[in-house]
Amino acid sequence: MATYMFKVCYTTEGLQGVRKEGAAARGAFIGQLIESVGGSLESFYYAFGDTDVYVIADLPDQATAAAFATAVGASEAISSFETVVLLSPQEVDAAMKISVGYRPPGK
């Protein structure tokens, strides 16, 4: 499984829906949705600022993450949606051991 962070911004319609449905109910629904595609919800937070919701979830693969992202992002309740792949410290350590052979331009 890979870990993803989804950054969500609601439209006015989306915010009205959260007010009507309740913030906790919406978080529970998203958790169930993630579980229905074989994933698990790590965290779900509302926030002040440019992003309204941060969701961190483990999903089976990139295709599943793309399916989730496009289904949610295509909603009229969402004004913007961003998917970020998260790496554990162990994954970064493993990556640092891979020799790539890159050189800056002109060097």
N, C-alpha and C. Protein backbone atom coordinates (compact mmCIF):
# COMPACT_ATOMS: atom_id res chain seq x y z
N MET A 1 0.85 -1.18 0.00
CA MET A 1 0.00 0.00 0.00
C MET A 1 0.89 1.24 0.00
N ALA A 2 0.38 2.27 -0.60
CA ALA A 2 1.05 3.56 -0.62
C ALA A 2 0.20 4.56 0.15
N THR A 3 0.86 5.58 0.66
CA THR A 3 0.17 6.60 1.45
C THR A 3 0.03 7.87 0.63
N TYR A 4 -1.16 8.44 0.68
CA TYR A 4 -1.48 9.64 -0.09
C TYR A 4 -2.10 10.68 0.83
N MET A 5 -1.83 11.96 0.51
CA MET A 5 -2.53 13.06 1.15
C MET A 5 -3.38 13.73 0.08
N PHE A 6 -4.64 13.92 0.39
CA PHE A 6 -5.55 14.60 -0.51
C PHE A 6 -5.89 15.95 0.12
N LYS A 7 -5.68 17.01 -0.67
CA LYS A 7 -5.98 18.37 -0.22
C LYS A 7 -7.23 18.83 -0.97
N VAL A 8 -8.28 19.17 -0.22
CA VAL A 8 -9.58 19.45 -0.81
C VAL A 8 -10.02 20.87 -0.47
N CYS A 9 -10.53 21.57 -1.47
CA CYS A 9 -11.16 22.87 -1.27
C CYS A 9 -12.61 22.77 -1.73
N TYR A 10 -13.51 23.14 -0.86
CA TYR A 10 -14.94 23.08 -1.17
C TYR A 10 -15.41 24.30 -1.94
N THR A 11 -16.43 24.11 -2.74
CA THR A 11 -17.18 25.22 -3.31
C THR A 11 -18.16 25.68 -2.23
N THR A 12 -18.87 26.76 -2.49
CA THR A 12 -19.91 27.20 -1.56
C THR A 12 -20.94 26.10 -1.37
N GLU A 13 -21.30 25.43 -2.46
CA GLU A 13 -22.26 24.32 -2.40
C GLU A 13 -21.73 23.19 -1.49
N GLY A 14 -20.45 22.89 -1.62
CA GLY A 14 -19.85 21.86 -0.79
C GLY A 14 -19.87 22.22 0.69
N LEU A 15 -19.54 23.47 1.00
CA LEU A 15 -19.59 23.92 2.40
C LEU A 15 -21.00 23.87 2.96
N GLN A 16 -21.98 24.21 2.14
CA GLN A 16 -23.37 24.12 2.58
C GLN A 16 -23.73 22.66 2.88
N GLY A 17 -23.23 21.75 2.07
CA GLY A 17 -23.47 20.33 2.31
C GLY A 17 -22.86 19.85 3.61
N VAL A 18 -21.65 20.31 3.91
CA VAL A 18 -21.00 19.93 5.18
C VAL A 18 -21.80 20.48 6.36
N ARG A 19 -22.27 21.71 6.24
CA ARG A 19 -23.07 22.31 7.32
C ARG A 19 -24.35 21.51 7.54
N LYS A 20 -24.96 21.05 6.45
CA LYS A 20 -26.21 20.30 6.54
C LYS A 20 -25.97 18.88 7.07
N GLU A 21 -24.97 18.20 6.53
CA GLU A 21 -24.70 16.80 6.87
C GLU A 21 -23.96 16.65 8.19
N GLY A 22 -23.08 17.62 8.48
CA GLY A 22 -22.23 17.55 9.67
C GLY A 22 -20.83 17.14 9.29
N ALA A 23 -19.86 17.79 9.91
CA ALA A 23 -18.45 17.55 9.58
C ALA A 23 -18.02 16.13 9.95
N ALA A 24 -18.45 15.63 11.10
CA ALA A 24 -18.06 14.28 11.52
C ALA A 24 -18.67 13.23 10.60
N ALA A 25 -19.91 13.43 10.19
CA ALA A 25 -20.57 12.49 9.28
C ALA A 25 -19.85 12.44 7.94
N ARG A 26 -19.39 13.60 7.47
CA ARG A 26 -18.68 13.65 6.20
C ARG A 26 -17.36 12.90 6.30
N GLY A 27 -16.65 13.10 7.41
CA GLY A 27 -15.40 12.37 7.62
C GLY A 27 -15.62 10.87 7.67
N ALA A 28 -16.69 10.44 8.34
CA ALA A 28 -17.00 9.01 8.42
C ALA A 28 -17.32 8.45 7.04
N PHE A 29 -18.06 9.23 6.23
CA PHE A 29 -18.38 8.79 4.88
C PHE A 29 -17.12 8.60 4.05
N ILE A 30 -16.18 9.55 4.13
CA ILE A 30 -14.93 9.44 3.37
C ILE A 30 -14.14 8.23 3.84
N GLY A 31 -14.12 7.97 5.13
CA GLY A 31 -13.44 6.77 5.64
C GLY A 31 -14.04 5.50 5.07
N GLN A 32 -15.36 5.43 5.02
CA GLN A 32 -16.04 4.26 4.44
C GLN A 32 -15.76 4.14 2.94
N LEU A 33 -15.72 5.27 2.26
CA LEU A 33 -15.43 5.27 0.83
C LEU A 33 -14.03 4.71 0.57
N ILE A 34 -13.06 5.15 1.35
CA ILE A 34 -11.69 4.67 1.19
C ILE A 34 -11.61 3.17 1.48
N GLU A 35 -12.29 2.73 2.52
CA GLU A 35 -12.31 1.30 2.84
C GLU A 35 -12.96 0.48 1.73
N SER A 36 -13.96 1.05 1.06
CA SER A 36 -14.66 0.32 0.00
C SER A 36 -13.78 0.03 -1.21
N VAL A 37 -12.68 0.78 -1.36
CA VAL A 37 -11.75 0.52 -2.45
C VAL A 37 -10.48 -0.19 -1.97
N GLY A 38 -10.54 -0.74 -0.76
CA GLY A 38 -9.43 -1.53 -0.24
C GLY A 38 -8.39 -0.75 0.53
N GLY A 39 -8.69 0.50 0.88
CA GLY A 39 -7.74 1.34 1.61
C GLY A 39 -8.11 1.52 3.05
N SER A 40 -7.35 2.36 3.72
CA SER A 40 -7.66 2.70 5.11
C SER A 40 -7.38 4.18 5.33
N LEU A 41 -8.25 4.80 6.10
CA LEU A 41 -8.13 6.22 6.41
C LEU A 41 -7.19 6.38 7.60
N GLU A 42 -6.13 7.17 7.41
CA GLU A 42 -5.20 7.45 8.51
C GLU A 42 -5.65 8.68 9.28
N SER A 43 -6.04 9.74 8.54
CA SER A 43 -6.51 10.95 9.22
C SER A 43 -7.38 11.77 8.29
N PHE A 44 -8.26 12.55 8.91
CA PHE A 44 -9.19 13.43 8.18
C PHE A 44 -9.31 14.69 9.02
N TYR A 45 -8.86 15.82 8.47
CA TYR A 45 -8.89 17.08 9.22
C TYR A 45 -9.47 18.20 8.37
N TYR A 46 -10.28 19.02 9.00
CA TYR A 46 -10.70 20.29 8.42
C TYR A 46 -9.65 21.32 8.81
N ALA A 47 -9.51 22.38 8.00
CA ALA A 47 -8.46 23.36 8.26
C ALA A 47 -8.91 24.75 7.85
N PHE A 48 -8.25 25.74 8.44
CA PHE A 48 -8.39 27.12 7.99
C PHE A 48 -7.40 27.34 6.86
N GLY A 49 -7.63 28.34 6.03
CA GLY A 49 -6.66 28.69 4.99
C GLY A 49 -7.12 28.29 3.61
N ASP A 50 -6.15 28.09 2.72
CA ASP A 50 -6.43 27.79 1.33
C ASP A 50 -7.04 26.40 1.13
N THR A 51 -6.79 25.49 2.03
CA THR A 51 -7.30 24.12 1.93
C THR A 51 -8.32 23.89 3.03
N ASP A 52 -9.47 23.32 2.65
CA ASP A 52 -10.54 23.08 3.63
C ASP A 52 -10.39 21.75 4.35
N VAL A 53 -9.89 20.73 3.64
CA VAL A 53 -9.80 19.38 4.20
C VAL A 53 -8.48 18.74 3.80
N TYR A 54 -7.86 18.05 4.76
CA TYR A 54 -6.70 17.21 4.50
C TYR A 54 -7.07 15.79 4.86
N VAL A 55 -6.87 14.88 3.91
CA VAL A 55 -7.14 13.46 4.13
C VAL A 55 -5.84 12.71 3.89
N ILE A 56 -5.45 11.86 4.81
CA ILE A 56 -4.31 10.98 4.61
C ILE A 56 -4.83 9.56 4.65
N ALA A 57 -4.51 8.81 3.58
CA ALA A 57 -5.05 7.46 3.45
C ALA A 57 -4.02 6.54 2.82
N ASP A 58 -4.11 5.27 3.20
CA ASP A 58 -3.33 4.22 2.55
C ASP A 58 -4.24 3.60 1.50
N LEU A 59 -3.75 3.52 0.27
CA LEU A 59 -4.51 2.93 -0.83
C LEU A 59 -3.68 1.86 -1.50
N PRO A 60 -4.34 0.86 -2.08
CA PRO A 60 -3.60 -0.30 -2.63
C PRO A 60 -2.61 0.04 -3.73
N ASP A 61 -2.92 1.01 -4.59
CA ASP A 61 -2.04 1.29 -5.73
C ASP A 61 -2.41 2.64 -6.35
N GLN A 62 -1.63 3.05 -7.34
CA GLN A 62 -1.86 4.35 -7.98
C GLN A 62 -3.19 4.40 -8.73
N ALA A 63 -3.60 3.28 -9.33
CA ALA A 63 -4.87 3.27 -10.04
C ALA A 63 -6.02 3.54 -9.08
N THR A 64 -5.97 2.96 -7.91
CA THR A 64 -7.01 3.18 -6.91
C THR A 64 -6.99 4.63 -6.45
N ALA A 65 -5.79 5.18 -6.23
CA ALA A 65 -5.68 6.58 -5.83
C ALA A 65 -6.24 7.49 -6.91
N ALA A 66 -5.96 7.18 -8.16
CA ALA A 66 -6.48 7.99 -9.27
C ALA A 66 -7.99 7.88 -9.36
N ALA A 67 -8.53 6.69 -9.15
CA ALA A 67 -9.99 6.51 -9.18
C ALA A 67 -10.65 7.32 -8.08
N PHE A 68 -10.09 7.27 -6.88
CA PHE A 68 -10.63 8.04 -5.75
C PHE A 68 -10.52 9.53 -6.04
N ALA A 69 -9.36 9.97 -6.48
CA ALA A 69 -9.12 11.40 -6.72
C ALA A 69 -10.04 11.95 -7.80
N THR A 70 -10.21 11.22 -8.88
CA THR A 70 -11.05 11.73 -9.96
C THR A 70 -12.52 11.72 -9.59
N ALA A 71 -12.95 10.71 -8.83
CA ALA A 71 -14.35 10.67 -8.41
C ALA A 71 -14.67 11.84 -7.49
N VAL A 72 -13.81 12.09 -6.53
CA VAL A 72 -14.04 13.20 -5.59
C VAL A 72 -13.80 14.54 -6.27
N GLY A 73 -12.71 14.65 -7.00
CA GLY A 73 -12.35 15.92 -7.63
C GLY A 73 -13.33 16.39 -8.68
N ALA A 74 -14.06 15.47 -9.29
CA ALA A 74 -15.03 15.84 -10.33
C ALA A 74 -16.35 16.34 -9.76
N SER A 75 -16.49 16.26 -8.45
CA SER A 75 -17.74 16.70 -7.81
C SER A 75 -17.90 18.20 -7.92
N GLU A 76 -19.13 18.64 -8.08
CA GLU A 76 -19.41 20.08 -8.10
C GLU A 76 -19.23 20.72 -6.72
N ALA A 77 -19.07 19.88 -5.70
CA ALA A 77 -18.87 20.39 -4.35
C ALA A 77 -17.41 20.74 -4.07
N ILE A 78 -16.52 20.42 -5.02
CA ILE A 78 -15.09 20.62 -4.84
C ILE A 78 -14.60 21.68 -5.83
N SER A 79 -13.88 22.69 -5.32
CA SER A 79 -13.33 23.71 -6.23
C SER A 79 -11.91 23.37 -6.66
N SER A 80 -11.15 22.67 -5.80
CA SER A 80 -9.83 22.17 -6.18
C SER A 80 -9.49 20.95 -5.35
N PHE A 81 -8.66 20.12 -5.94
CA PHE A 81 -8.32 18.83 -5.33
C PHE A 81 -6.89 18.51 -5.73
N GLU A 82 -6.06 18.16 -4.78
CA GLU A 82 -4.67 17.83 -5.05
C GLU A 82 -4.32 16.52 -4.37
N THR A 83 -3.62 15.65 -5.10
CA THR A 83 -3.16 14.38 -4.55
C THR A 83 -1.65 14.46 -4.37
N VAL A 84 -1.17 14.12 -3.17
CA VAL A 84 0.25 14.14 -2.86
C VAL A 84 0.65 12.74 -2.40
N VAL A 85 1.66 12.15 -3.05
CA VAL A 85 2.18 10.86 -2.61
C VAL A 85 3.11 11.11 -1.43
N LEU A 86 2.87 10.41 -0.33
CA LEU A 86 3.71 10.57 0.86
C LEU A 86 4.67 9.39 0.98
N LEU A 87 5.88 9.67 1.43
CA LEU A 87 6.91 8.64 1.60
C LEU A 87 7.30 8.53 3.06
N SER A 88 7.47 7.31 3.53
CA SER A 88 7.95 7.10 4.89
C SER A 88 9.45 7.38 4.94
N PRO A 89 10.01 7.61 6.13
CA PRO A 89 11.46 7.78 6.23
C PRO A 89 12.22 6.58 5.66
N GLN A 90 11.69 5.39 5.86
CA GLN A 90 12.35 4.18 5.35
C GLN A 90 12.36 4.17 3.82
N GLU A 91 11.28 4.64 3.20
CA GLU A 91 11.24 4.70 1.74
C GLU A 91 12.24 5.72 1.21
N VAL A 92 12.39 6.84 1.92
CA VAL A 92 13.37 7.84 1.50
C VAL A 92 14.78 7.30 1.67
N ASP A 93 15.05 6.60 2.78
CA ASP A 93 16.37 5.99 2.98
C ASP A 93 16.69 5.01 1.85
N ALA A 94 15.72 4.20 1.46
CA ALA A 94 15.92 3.25 0.37
C ALA A 94 16.20 3.99 -0.94
N ALA A 95 15.49 5.08 -1.17
CA ALA A 95 15.69 5.86 -2.39
C ALA A 95 17.09 6.47 -2.43
N MET A 96 17.62 6.89 -1.28
CA MET A 96 18.95 7.52 -1.23
C MET A 96 20.06 6.53 -1.59
N LYS A 97 19.75 5.24 -1.52
CA LYS A 97 20.75 4.22 -1.85
C LYS A 97 20.76 3.86 -3.33
N ILE A 98 19.85 4.43 -4.10
CA ILE A 98 19.79 4.15 -5.53
C ILE A 98 20.63 5.18 -6.28
N SER A 99 21.59 4.71 -7.03
CA SER A 99 22.46 5.60 -7.80
C SER A 99 21.77 5.97 -9.11
N VAL A 100 21.63 7.27 -9.35
CA VAL A 100 20.93 7.74 -10.54
C VAL A 100 21.91 8.27 -11.60
N GLY A 101 23.02 8.85 -11.21
CA GLY A 101 24.01 9.36 -12.15
C GLY A 101 23.64 10.70 -12.78
N TYR A 102 22.82 11.46 -12.12
CA TYR A 102 22.40 12.78 -12.62
C TYR A 102 23.56 13.77 -12.51
N ARG A 103 23.63 14.70 -13.45
CA ARG A 103 24.56 15.82 -13.33
C ARG A 103 23.82 17.08 -13.73
N PRO A 104 24.12 18.22 -13.09
CA PRO A 104 23.49 19.48 -13.44
C PRO A 104 23.88 19.88 -14.87
N PRO A 105 23.07 20.65 -15.55
CA PRO A 105 23.41 21.11 -16.89
C PRO A 105 24.73 21.89 -16.89
N GLY A 106 25.56 21.65 -17.88
CA GLY A 106 26.81 22.38 -18.03
C GLY A 106 27.94 21.91 -17.15
N LYS A 107 27.76 20.88 -16.39
CA LYS A 107 28.83 20.38 -15.49
C LYS A 107 29.46 19.13 -16.05
